[in-house]
Structures are given as C-alpha cells and as structure tokens.
C-alpha atoms as a PDB file:
ATOM      1  CA  MET A   1      -0.270   0.050  -0.152  1.00  0.00           C
ATOM      2  CA  THR A   2       1.477   3.429  -1.025  1.00  0.00           C
ATOM      3  CA  GLU A   3       2.382   5.360   2.053  1.00  0.00           C
ATOM      4  CA  TYR A   4       0.455   8.691   2.501  1.00  0.00           C
ATOM      5  CA  THR A   5       0.284  11.697   4.882  1.00  0.00           C
ATOM      6  CA  ASP A   6      -2.751  13.703   5.869  1.00  0.00           C
ATOM      7  CA  GLY A   7      -2.888  17.611   6.971  1.00  0.00           C
ATOM      8  CA  LEU A   8      -5.111  20.379   7.639  1.00  0.00           C
ATOM      9  CA  LEU A   9      -4.152  23.569   6.226  1.00  0.00           C
ATOM     10  CA  ARG A  10      -5.115  27.135   7.581  1.00  0.00           C
ATOM     11  CA  LEU A  11      -6.076  29.134   4.705  1.00  0.00           C
ATOM     12  CA  GLY A  12      -5.886  32.957   4.397  1.00  0.00           C
ATOM     13  CA  ASP A  13      -9.522  33.716   5.364  1.00  0.00           C
ATOM     14  CA  GLY A  14      -9.591  31.161   8.173  1.00  0.00           C
ATOM     15  CA  ARG A  15     -11.092  28.194   6.467  1.00  0.00           C
ATOM     16  CA  GLU A  16      -9.220  24.723   6.735  1.00  0.00           C
ATOM     17  CA  LEU A  17      -8.212  22.681   3.833  1.00  0.00           C
ATOM     18  CA  ALA A  18      -7.832  18.975   4.399  1.00  0.00           C
ATOM     19  CA  TRP A  19      -5.370  17.498   2.083  1.00  0.00           C
ATOM     20  CA  ARG A  20      -3.406  14.122   1.390  1.00  0.00           C
ATOM     21  CA  MET A  21      -0.044  13.736   0.024  1.00  0.00           C
ATOM     22  CA  ARG A  22       0.000   9.856  -1.361  1.00  0.00           C
ATOM     23  CA  GLY A  23       3.923   8.608  -2.128  1.00  0.00           C
ATOM     24  CA  THR A  24       7.120   9.868  -0.858  1.00  0.00           C
ATOM     25  CA  GLU A  25       9.068  10.373  -4.235  1.00  0.00           C
ATOM     26  CA  GLY A  26       9.093  11.732  -7.317  1.00  0.00           C
ATOM     27  CA  PRO A  27       7.211  14.898  -9.007  1.00  0.00           C
ATOM     28  CA  VAL A  28       4.002  15.524  -7.779  1.00  0.00           C
ATOM     29  CA  LEU A  29       0.809  15.390  -9.522  1.00  0.00           C
ATOM     30  CA  LEU A  30      -2.063  17.601  -8.326  1.00  0.00           C
ATOM     31  CA  ARG A  31      -5.123  15.609  -8.901  1.00  0.00           C
ATOM     32  CA  ILE A  32      -9.016  17.117  -8.402  1.00  0.00           C
ATOM     33  CA  GLN A  33     -11.225  14.630  -8.001  1.00  0.00           C
ATOM     34  CA  GLY A  34     -14.880  14.559  -9.097  1.00  0.00           C
ATOM     35  CA  THR A  35     -18.059  15.442  -7.623  1.00  0.00           C
ATOM     36  CA  PRO A  36     -18.979  14.238  -5.007  1.00  0.00           C
ATOM     37  CA  ALA A  37     -15.522  12.694  -3.703  1.00  0.00           C
ATOM     38  CA  SER A  38     -12.661  13.489  -1.185  1.00  0.00           C
ATOM     39  CA  ARG A  39      -9.148  13.548  -0.976  1.00  0.00           C
ATOM     40  CA  LEU A  40      -9.236   9.905  -0.464  1.00  0.00           C
ATOM     41  CA  SER A  41     -10.052   9.493  -4.066  1.00  0.00           C
ATOM     42  CA  ARG A  42      -7.373   6.742  -5.679  1.00  0.00           C
ATOM     43  CA  ASP A  43      -6.350   4.539  -9.013  1.00  0.00           C
ATOM     44  CA  PRO A  44      -8.426   1.361  -9.637  1.00  0.00           C
ATOM     45  CA  ASP A  45      -5.146  -0.252  -9.800  1.00  0.00           C
ATOM     46  CA  PRO A  46      -3.037   0.496  -6.658  1.00  0.00           C
ATOM     47  CA  THR A  47       0.106  -0.110  -8.287  1.00  0.00           C
ATOM     48  CA  THR A  48      -0.197   2.407 -11.112  1.00  0.00           C
ATOM     49  CA  GLN A  49       1.447   5.430  -8.756  1.00  0.00           C
ATOM     50  CA  GLY A  50       4.416   2.930  -8.208  1.00  0.00           C
ATOM     51  CA  ARG A  51       5.064   2.526 -12.154  1.00  0.00           C
ATOM     52  CA  LEU A  52       4.487   6.412 -12.780  1.00  0.00           C
ATOM     53  CA  GLY A  53       7.128   7.166  -9.801  1.00  0.00           C
ATOM     54  CA  VAL A  54       5.255  10.285  -8.800  1.00  0.00           C
ATOM     55  CA  ARG A  55       3.413  11.569  -5.877  1.00  0.00           C
ATOM     56  CA  TYR A  56      -0.418  12.319  -5.649  1.00  0.00           C
ATOM     57  CA  LEU A  57      -1.626  15.652  -4.162  1.00  0.00           C
ATOM     58  CA  THR A  58      -5.331  15.676  -3.467  1.00  0.00           C
ATOM     59  CA  ALA A  59      -7.586  17.826  -1.158  1.00  0.00           C
ATOM     60  CA  ASP A  60     -11.144  18.082  -0.043  1.00  0.00           C
ATOM     61  CA  ARG A  61     -13.018  20.917  -1.504  1.00  0.00           C
ATOM     62  CA  PRO A  62     -15.108  22.988   0.658  1.00  0.00           C
ATOM     63  CA  GLY A  63     -17.973  21.537   2.248  1.00  0.00           C
ATOM     64  CA  TYR A  64     -16.518  18.026   1.585  1.00  0.00           C
ATOM     65  CA  GLY A  65     -14.295  15.946   4.058  1.00  0.00           C
ATOM     66  CA  HIS A  66     -12.561  17.817   6.625  1.00  0.00           C
ATOM     67  CA  SER A  67     -12.684  21.072   4.584  1.00  0.00           C
ATOM     68  CA  THR A  68     -14.403  24.122   5.737  1.00  0.00           C
ATOM     69  CA  ARG A  69     -17.602  24.999   3.710  1.00  0.00           C
ATOM     70  CA  LYS A  70     -17.850  28.176   1.846  1.00  0.00           C
ATOM     71  CA  PRO A  71     -21.344  29.211   0.877  1.00  0.00           C
ATOM     72  CA  GLY A  72     -21.859  30.802  -2.239  1.00  0.00           C
ATOM     73  CA  ARG A  73     -18.484  30.051  -3.715  1.00  0.00           C
ATOM     74  CA  GLY A  74     -17.609  29.939  -7.064  1.00  0.00           C
ATOM     75  CA  ILE A  75     -15.460  27.654  -9.283  1.00  0.00           C
ATOM     76  CA  ALA A  76     -12.417  30.169  -9.505  1.00  0.00           C
ATOM     77  CA  ASP A  77     -12.631  31.024  -5.890  1.00  0.00           C
ATOM     78  CA  LEU A  78     -10.666  27.358  -5.062  1.00  0.00           C
ATOM     79  CA  ALA A  79      -7.700  28.444  -7.202  1.00  0.00           C
ATOM     80  CA  ASP A  80      -6.515  30.475  -4.600  1.00  0.00           C
ATOM     81  CA  ASP A  81      -7.108  27.554  -2.263  1.00  0.00           C
ATOM     82  CA  TYR A  82      -5.096  25.427  -4.419  1.00  0.00           C
ATOM     83  CA  VAL A  83      -2.403  28.023  -4.929  1.00  0.00           C
ATOM     84  CA  GLU A  84      -1.984  28.187  -0.803  1.00  0.00           C
ATOM     85  CA  LEU A  85      -1.864  24.472  -0.732  1.00  0.00           C
ATOM     86  CA  LEU A  86       0.906  24.382  -3.530  1.00  0.00           C
ATOM     87  CA  ASP A  87       2.721  27.279  -1.348  1.00  0.00           C
ATOM     88  CA  HIS A  88       2.507  24.945   1.859  1.00  0.00           C
ATOM     89  CA  HIS A  89       4.235  22.130  -0.064  1.00  0.00           C
ATOM     90  CA  GLY A  90       7.074  24.331  -1.491  1.00  0.00           C
ATOM     91  CA  LEU A  91       5.506  23.453  -4.837  1.00  0.00           C
ATOM     92  CA  ASP A  92       6.473  25.975  -7.524  1.00  0.00           C
ATOM     93  CA  ARG A  93       4.722  24.471 -10.740  1.00  0.00           C
ATOM     94  CA  VAL A  94       2.554  21.245 -11.080  1.00  0.00           C
ATOM     95  CA  ALA A  95       0.853  18.986 -13.476  1.00  0.00           C
ATOM     96  CA  VAL A  96      -2.772  18.810 -12.903  1.00  0.00           C
ATOM     97  CA  THR A  97      -5.780  16.154 -13.560  1.00  0.00           C
ATOM     98  CA  GLY A  98      -9.372  17.304 -13.120  1.00  0.00           C
ATOM     99  CA  ARG A  99     -11.795  14.457 -12.650  1.00  0.00           C
ATOM    100  CA  SER A 100     -15.489  14.913 -13.822  1.00  0.00           C
ATOM    101  CA  GLY A 101     -16.606  17.909 -11.577  1.00  0.00           C
ATOM    102  CA  GLY A 102     -12.813  18.573 -10.961  1.00  0.00           C
ATOM    103  CA  GLY A 103     -12.218  19.349 -14.716  1.00  0.00           C
ATOM    104  CA  PRO A 104     -13.475  22.966 -14.641  1.00  0.00           C
ATOM    105  CA  HIS A 105     -11.698  23.594 -11.192  1.00  0.00           C
ATOM    106  CA  ALA A 106      -8.386  22.267 -12.967  1.00  0.00           C
ATOM    107  CA  LEU A 107      -9.099  24.793 -15.441  1.00  0.00           C
ATOM    108  CA  ALA A 108      -9.726  27.530 -13.241  1.00  0.00           C
ATOM    109  CA  LEU A 109      -6.381  27.019 -11.606  1.00  0.00           C
ATOM    110  CA  ALA A 110      -4.525  26.964 -14.855  1.00  0.00           C
ATOM    111  CA  ALA A 111      -6.500  30.235 -15.766  1.00  0.00           C
ATOM    112  CA  GLN A 112      -6.213  31.987 -12.528  1.00  0.00           C
ATOM    113  CA  HIS A 113      -2.666  31.121 -11.789  1.00  0.00           C
ATOM    114  CA  PRO A 114      -1.005  30.244 -15.095  1.00  0.00           C
ATOM    115  CA  ASP A 115       2.538  30.488 -13.782  1.00  0.00           C
ATOM    116  CA  ARG A 116       1.704  27.714 -11.267  1.00  0.00           C
ATOM    117  CA  VAL A 117       0.333  25.049 -13.851  1.00  0.00           C
ATOM    118  CA  SER A 118       2.655  22.934 -16.344  1.00  0.00           C
ATOM    119  CA  ALA A 119       0.113  20.929 -17.763  1.00  0.00           C
ATOM    120  CA  VAL A 120      -3.703  19.925 -17.653  1.00  0.00           C
ATOM    121  CA  SER A 121      -5.187  16.623 -17.908  1.00  0.00           C
ATOM    122  CA  VAL A 122      -9.129  16.715 -17.934  1.00  0.00           C
ATOM    123  CA  ILE A 123     -10.839  13.628 -17.545  1.00  0.00           C
ATOM    124  CA  VAL A 124     -14.607  12.954 -18.502  1.00  0.00           C
ATOM    125  CA  GLY A 125     -15.018  16.765 -17.472  1.00  0.00           C
ATOM    126  CA  ALA A 126     -18.047  18.725 -16.344  1.00  0.00           C
ATOM    127  CA  SER A 127     -18.869  21.671 -18.446  1.00  0.00           C
ATOM    128  CA  PRO A 128     -21.794  23.944 -19.049  1.00  0.00           C
ATOM    129  CA  LEU A 129     -25.023  21.561 -20.636  1.00  0.00           C
ATOM    130  CA  THR A 130     -27.794  22.443 -22.991  1.00  0.00           C
ATOM    131  CA  ALA A 131     -31.446  21.600 -22.017  1.00  0.00           C
ATOM    132  CA  ALA A 132     -31.640  18.706 -24.327  1.00  0.00           C
ATOM    133  CA  GLU A 133     -28.098  17.357 -22.963  1.00  0.00           C
ATOM    134  CA  THR A 134     -29.593  17.413 -19.123  1.00  0.00           C
ATOM    135  CA  SER A 135     -32.595  15.535 -20.181  1.00  0.00           C
ATOM    136  CA  GLY A 136     -30.342  12.529 -21.457  1.00  0.00           C
ATOM    137  CA  LEU A 137     -28.185  12.260 -18.225  1.00  0.00           C
ATOM    138  CA  VAL A 138     -28.473   9.408 -15.797  1.00  0.00           C
ATOM    139  CA  GLY A 139     -31.541   9.933 -13.629  1.00  0.00           C
ATOM    140  CA  ILE A 140     -29.604  11.349 -10.596  1.00  0.00           C
ATOM    141  CA  ASN A 141     -27.671  13.901 -12.781  1.00  0.00           C
ATOM    142  CA  ALA A 142     -31.129  14.746 -14.744  1.00  0.00           C
ATOM    143  CA  GLU A 143     -32.985  15.458 -11.358  1.00  0.00           C
ATOM    144  CA  ALA A 144     -30.022  17.283 -10.126  1.00  0.00           C
ATOM    145  CA  TYR A 145     -29.906  19.626 -12.611  1.00  0.00           C
ATOM    146  CA  ALA A 146     -33.401  20.433 -13.026  1.00  0.00           C
ATOM    147  CA  ARG A 147     -33.704  20.933  -8.880  1.00  0.00           C
ATOM    148  CA  ALA A 148     -30.637  23.230  -9.403  1.00  0.00           C
ATOM    149  CA  LYS A 149     -32.807  25.847 -11.658  1.00  0.00           C
ATOM    150  CA  GLN A 150     -35.622  25.714  -8.928  1.00  0.00           C
ATOM    151  CA  GLY A 151     -32.824  27.023  -6.501  1.00  0.00           C
ATOM    152  CA  TRP A 152     -30.335  25.759  -3.904  1.00  0.00           C
ATOM    153  CA  ASP A 153     -33.101  24.425  -1.222  1.00  0.00           C
ATOM    154  CA  SER A 154     -34.636  22.246  -3.610  1.00  0.00           C
ATOM    155  CA  LEU A 155     -31.383  20.783  -5.046  1.00  0.00           C
ATOM    156  CA  HIS A 156     -30.170  20.402  -1.164  1.00  0.00           C
ATOM    157  CA  GLU A 157     -33.322  18.384  -0.452  1.00  0.00           C
ATOM    158  CA  PHE A 158     -32.801  15.868  -3.488  1.00  0.00           C
ATOM    159  CA  LEU A 159     -29.159  15.413  -2.565  1.00  0.00           C
ATOM    160  CA  GLN A 160     -29.913  14.993   0.691  1.00  0.00           C
ATOM    161  CA  GLN A 161     -31.995  11.606   0.201  1.00  0.00           C
ATOM    162  CA  MET A 162     -28.938  10.961  -2.489  1.00  0.00           C
ATOM    163  CA  ARG A 163     -26.262  11.151   0.082  1.00  0.00           C
ATOM    164  CA  GLU A 164     -28.519   8.648   2.097  1.00  0.00           C
ATOM    165  CA  ARG A 165     -28.872   6.293  -0.681  1.00  0.00           C
ATOM    166  CA  LEU A 166     -25.144   6.730  -1.622  1.00  0.00           C
ATOM    167  CA  LEU A 167     -24.008   5.633   2.089  1.00  0.00           C
ATOM    168  CA  ASN A 168     -26.264   3.219   2.274  1.00  0.00           C
ATOM    169  CA  GLU A 169     -26.948   1.504  -1.056  1.00  0.00           C
ATOM    170  CA  GLY A 170     -23.695   2.219  -2.736  1.00  0.00           C
ATOM    171  CA  MET A 171     -23.029   3.904  -6.253  1.00  0.00           C
ATOM    172  CA  ALA A 172     -23.714   1.029  -8.336  1.00  0.00           C
ATOM    173  CA  LYS A 173     -27.359   0.935  -6.940  1.00  0.00           C
ATOM    174  CA  VAL A 174     -28.101   4.752  -7.414  1.00  0.00           C
ATOM    175  CA  LEU A 175     -26.732   4.748 -10.983  1.00  0.00           C
ATOM    176  CA  ASP A 176     -28.124   1.616 -12.100  1.00  0.00           C
ATOM    177  CA  ASP A 177     -29.440   3.169 -15.433  1.00  0.00           C
ATOM    178  CA  ALA A 178     -25.925   3.969 -16.351  1.00  0.00           C
ATOM    179  CA  PRO A 179     -24.555   3.040 -19.574  1.00  0.00           C
ATOM    180  CA  ALA A 180     -23.343  -0.968 -19.715  1.00  0.00           C
ATOM    181  CA  ASP A 181     -19.710  -0.575 -19.842  1.00  0.00           C
ATOM    182  CA  ASP A 182     -20.215   1.804 -16.708  1.00  0.00           C
ATOM    183  CA  ARG A 183     -22.391  -0.768 -14.876  1.00  0.00           C
ATOM    184  CA  GLU A 184     -19.606  -3.277 -15.466  1.00  0.00           C
ATOM    185  CA  ARG A 185     -17.216  -1.066 -14.090  1.00  0.00           C
ATOM    186  CA  MET A 186     -19.174  -0.363 -10.775  1.00  0.00           C
ATOM    187  CA  ALA A 187     -19.710  -4.237 -10.364  1.00  0.00           C
ATOM    188  CA  ASP A 188     -16.061  -4.541  -9.711  1.00  0.00           C
ATOM    189  CA  SER A 189     -15.703  -5.264  -5.670  1.00  0.00           C
ATOM    190  CA  ALA A 190     -12.411  -3.280  -5.452  1.00  0.00           C
ATOM    191  CA  TRP A 191     -13.936  -0.227  -7.036  1.00  0.00           C
ATOM    192  CA  GLN A 192     -17.102  -0.491  -4.904  1.00  0.00           C
ATOM    193  CA  ARG A 193     -14.942  -0.699  -1.550  1.00  0.00           C
ATOM    194  CA  ALA A 194     -12.881   2.218  -2.689  1.00  0.00           C
ATOM    195  CA  THR A 195     -16.003   4.435  -3.903  1.00  0.00           C
ATOM    196  CA  ALA A 196     -17.646   3.629  -0.428  1.00  0.00           C
ATOM    197  CA  GLU A 197     -15.015   4.677   1.669  1.00  0.00           C
ATOM    198  CA  ASP A 198     -14.263   7.895  -0.839  1.00  0.00           C
ATOM    199  CA  LEU A 199     -18.205   8.855  -0.551  1.00  0.00           C
ATOM    200  CA  ALA A 200     -18.222   8.433   3.309  1.00  0.00           C
ATOM    201  CA  GLU A 201     -15.238  10.840   3.568  1.00  0.00           C
ATOM    202  CA  ALA A 202     -16.929  13.252   1.054  1.00  0.00           C
ATOM    203  CA  LEU A 203     -20.291  13.434   2.413  1.00  0.00           C
ATOM    204  CA  ARG A 204     -19.341  13.188   6.252  1.00  0.00           C
ATOM    205  CA  GLN A 205     -20.557  16.517   6.811  1.00  0.00           C
ATOM    206  CA  GLY A 206     -23.832  16.471   5.120  1.00  0.00           C
ATOM    207  CA  ALA A 207     -25.040  17.330   1.524  1.00  0.00           C
ATOM    208  CA  GLU A 208     -24.268  21.176   1.844  1.00  0.00           C
ATOM    209  CA  GLY A 209     -20.740  21.030   0.130  1.00  0.00           C
ATOM    210  CA  TRP A 210     -22.383  18.915  -2.665  1.00  0.00           C
ATOM    211  CA  THR A 211     -25.284  21.309  -3.057  1.00  0.00           C
ATOM    212  CA  ASP A 212     -22.822  24.240  -3.098  1.00  0.00           C
ATOM    213  CA  GLU A 213     -21.030  22.682  -5.926  1.00  0.00           C
ATOM    214  CA  SER A 214     -23.686  21.115  -8.056  1.00  0.00           C
ATOM    215  CA  ILE A 215     -25.330  24.806  -8.327  1.00  0.00           C
ATOM    216  CA  LEU A 216     -21.638  25.866  -9.997  1.00  0.00           C
ATOM    217  CA  LEU A 217     -21.646  23.205 -12.194  1.00  0.00           C
ATOM    218  CA  ASP A 218     -25.099  24.186 -13.538  1.00  0.00           C
ATOM    219  CA  ARG A 219     -23.751  27.652 -14.741  1.00  0.00           C
ATOM    220  CA  ASP A 220     -21.358  28.800 -17.054  1.00  0.00           C
ATOM    221  CA  TRP A 221     -17.539  29.052 -15.716  1.00  0.00           C
ATOM    222  CA  ASP A 222     -16.697  32.103 -13.785  1.00  0.00           C
ATOM    223  CA  PHE A 223     -13.453  32.255 -15.392  1.00  0.00           C
ATOM    224  CA  ASP A 224     -11.784  32.612 -18.644  1.00  0.00           C
ATOM    225  CA  PRO A 225     -10.515  29.455 -20.284  1.00  0.00           C
ATOM    226  CA  GLY A 226      -8.978  31.872 -22.741  1.00  0.00           C
ATOM    227  CA  ARG A 227      -6.235  32.737 -20.259  1.00  0.00           C
ATOM    228  CA  ILE A 228      -4.950  29.330 -19.959  1.00  0.00           C
ATOM    229  CA  ARG A 229      -1.305  29.129 -21.077  1.00  0.00           C
ATOM    230  CA  ALA A 230      -0.494  25.489 -19.966  1.00  0.00           C
ATOM    231  CA  SER A 231      -1.184  22.684 -22.518  1.00  0.00           C
ATOM    232  CA  VAL A 232      -4.375  20.976 -22.148  1.00  0.00           C
ATOM    233  CA  VAL A 233      -5.563  17.393 -23.158  1.00  0.00           C
ATOM    234  CA  TRP A 234      -9.603  16.599 -22.471  1.00  0.00           C
ATOM    235  CA  TRP A 235     -10.300  12.736 -22.571  1.00  0.00           C
ATOM    236  CA  HIS A 236     -13.776  11.928 -23.050  1.00  0.00           C
ATOM    237  CA  GLY A 237     -15.954   8.738 -23.422  1.00  0.00           C
ATOM    238  CA  GLN A 238     -18.526   9.221 -26.535  1.00  0.00           C
ATOM    239  CA  GLY A 239     -20.873   7.121 -24.475  1.00  0.00           C
ATOM    240  CA  ASP A 240     -20.846   9.393 -21.430  1.00  0.00           C
ATOM    241  CA  LEU A 241     -24.214  10.054 -19.729  1.00  0.00           C
ATOM    242  CA  ASN A 242     -22.846  11.720 -16.635  1.00  0.00           C
ATOM    243  CA  ALA A 243     -20.935  14.447 -18.501  1.00  0.00           C
ATOM    244  CA  PRO A 244     -22.268  14.496 -22.529  1.00  0.00           C
ATOM    245  CA  PHE A 245     -19.397  14.184 -25.024  1.00  0.00           C
ATOM    246  CA  THR A 246     -21.125  17.213 -26.995  1.00  0.00           C
ATOM    247  CA  ALA A 247     -20.547  19.471 -23.984  1.00  0.00           C
ATOM    248  CA  ALA A 248     -17.091  18.391 -23.817  1.00  0.00           C
ATOM    249  CA  GLU A 249     -16.584  19.360 -27.559  1.00  0.00           C
ATOM    250  CA  ARG A 250     -17.978  22.915 -26.880  1.00  0.00           C
ATOM    251  CA  ALA A 251     -15.855  23.409 -23.963  1.00  0.00           C
ATOM    252  CA  VAL A 252     -12.511  22.047 -25.377  1.00  0.00           C
ATOM    253  CA  VAL A 253     -12.680  25.047 -28.147  1.00  0.00           C
ATOM    254  CA  ARG A 254     -12.719  27.360 -25.650  1.00  0.00           C
ATOM    255  CA  VAL A 255      -9.377  26.442 -24.235  1.00  0.00           C
ATOM    256  CA  PRO A 256      -6.277  28.081 -26.422  1.00  0.00           C
ATOM    257  CA  GLY A 257      -4.650  25.086 -27.813  1.00  0.00           C
ATOM    258  CA  ALA A 258      -6.436  22.387 -26.360  1.00  0.00           C
ATOM    259  CA  ARG A 259      -6.685  18.773 -27.803  1.00  0.00           C
ATOM    260  CA  LEU A 260      -9.878  16.486 -27.289  1.00  0.00           C
ATOM    261  CA  GLU A 261      -8.897  12.699 -26.769  1.00  0.00           C
ATOM    262  CA  VAL A 262     -11.732  10.566 -27.729  1.00  0.00           C
ATOM    263  CA  LEU A 263     -12.359   7.413 -25.858  1.00  0.00           C
ATOM    264  CA  ALA A 264     -14.817   6.108 -28.495  1.00  0.00           C
ATOM    265  CA  GLY A 265     -18.295   4.599 -27.068  1.00  0.00           C
ATOM    266  CA  GLU A 266     -17.021   4.553 -23.282  1.00  0.00           C
ATOM    267  CA  GLY A 267     -18.838   5.991 -20.441  1.00  0.00           C
ATOM    268  CA  HIS A 268     -18.067   8.005 -17.496  1.00  0.00           C
ATOM    269  CA  PHE A 269     -16.505   5.341 -15.257  1.00  0.00           C
ATOM    270  CA  ALA A 270     -15.469   2.929 -17.726  1.00  0.00           C
ATOM    271  CA  THR A 271     -12.652   5.578 -18.773  1.00  0.00           C
ATOM    272  CA  LEU A 272     -10.943   4.639 -15.469  1.00  0.00           C
ATOM    273  CA  ALA A 273      -9.196   1.795 -17.258  1.00  0.00           C
ATOM    274  CA  HIS A 274      -7.101   4.652 -19.196  1.00  0.00           C
ATOM    275  CA  THR A 275      -5.796   5.994 -16.028  1.00  0.00           C
ATOM    276  CA  GLU A 276      -2.149   5.019 -16.415  1.00  0.00           C
ATOM    277  CA  GLU A 277      -2.528   6.054 -20.173  1.00  0.00           C
ATOM    278  CA  ILE A 278      -3.421   9.256 -19.396  1.00  0.00           C
ATOM    279  CA  LEU A 279      -1.122  10.126 -16.460  1.00  0.00           C
ATOM    280  CA  ARG A 280       1.870   8.933 -18.631  1.00  0.00           C
ATOM    281  CA  GLU A 281       0.835  11.298 -21.326  1.00  0.00           C
ATOM    282  CA  LEU A 282       0.505  14.283 -18.916  1.00  0.00           C
ATOM    283  CA  LEU A 283       4.023  13.429 -17.427  1.00  0.00           C
ATOM    284  CA  THR A 284       5.572  13.949 -20.966  1.00  0.00           C
ATOM    285  CA  ARG A 285       4.016  17.600 -21.090  1.00  0.00           C
ATOM    286  CA  SER A 286       4.777  18.680 -17.696  1.00  0.00           C
END
C-alpha cells in the first residue's frame, strides 16, 4: 500500500483545507477529484502510482471531508486555495488532473494562476449543458440539474436523499441506469470498496458542500478559459451519460490549443481503465 500523509491547512481567510499527499518520492501531480468525492480518491489499480514514480496531492473542496464549507463560492475561488496548498508544500509548478466535476476546477487554476500549472489533463470533465443534454443524463444527474434550476433549497433536499442512498446502497445501485460499460466497472468489488470509503469521507458533513458545487456546475464558468497557457488534453468517452460528450466538444474549443482525446463509445466510469495511459501522457507535457 502506498504511504500517505494527511494534513489540515489553515487558509488565509480562516477556513481549513484537508489534504493528502500519497507517496514519498517523485514529481507531484495535483489531482482534483470528481463530484462528490474527497481527498481519499485513488487509482483503480493501486500499483499504477508506483510504476509512474510520482506523488499525488489531493484536497477536500469546501464542504467535503474535513474542509470548511464556503457558501456561495465560485469555481474560480478555489484556484487561490490550491495555490496556498502548493505554497504549503513548497511546490512552484505542478501538472494537474481534473476528473468530472474537478475538470473545471483544474482549468480555473490554470486560468487564474498560469505560472503555477505546467500541464492539465481533464478527464470526463463537467461543462455547461444545454437543456437537451440534461434530459439525456443518468437519472440522478438529470433530476439534480432540474432541481438546480429551482434553487439551492430544492437541490439540497434532493441531494440529502441521494446522500443517504449513496451511503447505504452504494454508487452502483443509485446509478443502475448508467451505460453497460459503466455498470461493468461499478460491479467490481474493489471499485465498490474504494468508492464507498471515498463517498463516506466526502459526504461526512452532509449534502451542503455537494449542493454548493452542483449549483456551480449548472452555470457557465466564472473564469476565462482563454487565459490558460498550459497545455491541455481533454479525455472523454462518447457514451458518457454523466458528462455528455457534446458538451465536452464545446468546452474544449474555449481553451487555447486544447486537444480532445476521444475514448470511443465509453461511459463515465469506464474511462478509469485508461488512468495510467492518461497520466503517462500528462507527464510527457509537465
């Protein structure tokens, strides 16, 4: 098992940011996990990191895990949090991954602090959706987007219910309408154990942080992707019903020089099988 260190960083505004450094040697990759998820997120294959020879730095976003909630926050707000985290670890520039809901947060960091990011890999990243795209999502996401239009309270009520289901039934049961390749991934017992641990930590405070973030993901980005100077590769499966491929196509063209790598016919979780390939490619650009 890879060694890790957990810590709690007091930010400039008084909030606390919980972080984990996994590994003891090699360059650091800042890994920004999906929605909802925590600093405990890890690779499906525990041997991947050793083969890559890197360290992983992860952090709980506001309202998740042990990080202080920040009501009304934006996506861009967290860029400053990540810079404080990098400063705490004495890191000048890092390569960054952003998966699913972490995708726009990774791009915001690159846009707001271009001198701190060497390269970015967005993996099945979330991006603004059209009404037609939201109607085709898996059930829980379709309902969440509909509730977001009604306001924070309506969305919070729904996500409180989903929190209880996720913690008691697991992700596979809640997403039983996912594409076949996603269901195959979710049927794996090791994946289920890792995801259950991650979700329990992410949602330990309740559904408030999840609601805050989901409201953000329903809106347009609050940062200018045109300011990004780091190289960006966006990896996405064409069969994704959590983050539609058509939305990813629109988002990629907003980022200067970004390249879209298509994982043909693959869903949201099935793309985890490409983790090592994606990270090796990122290291060539960092």
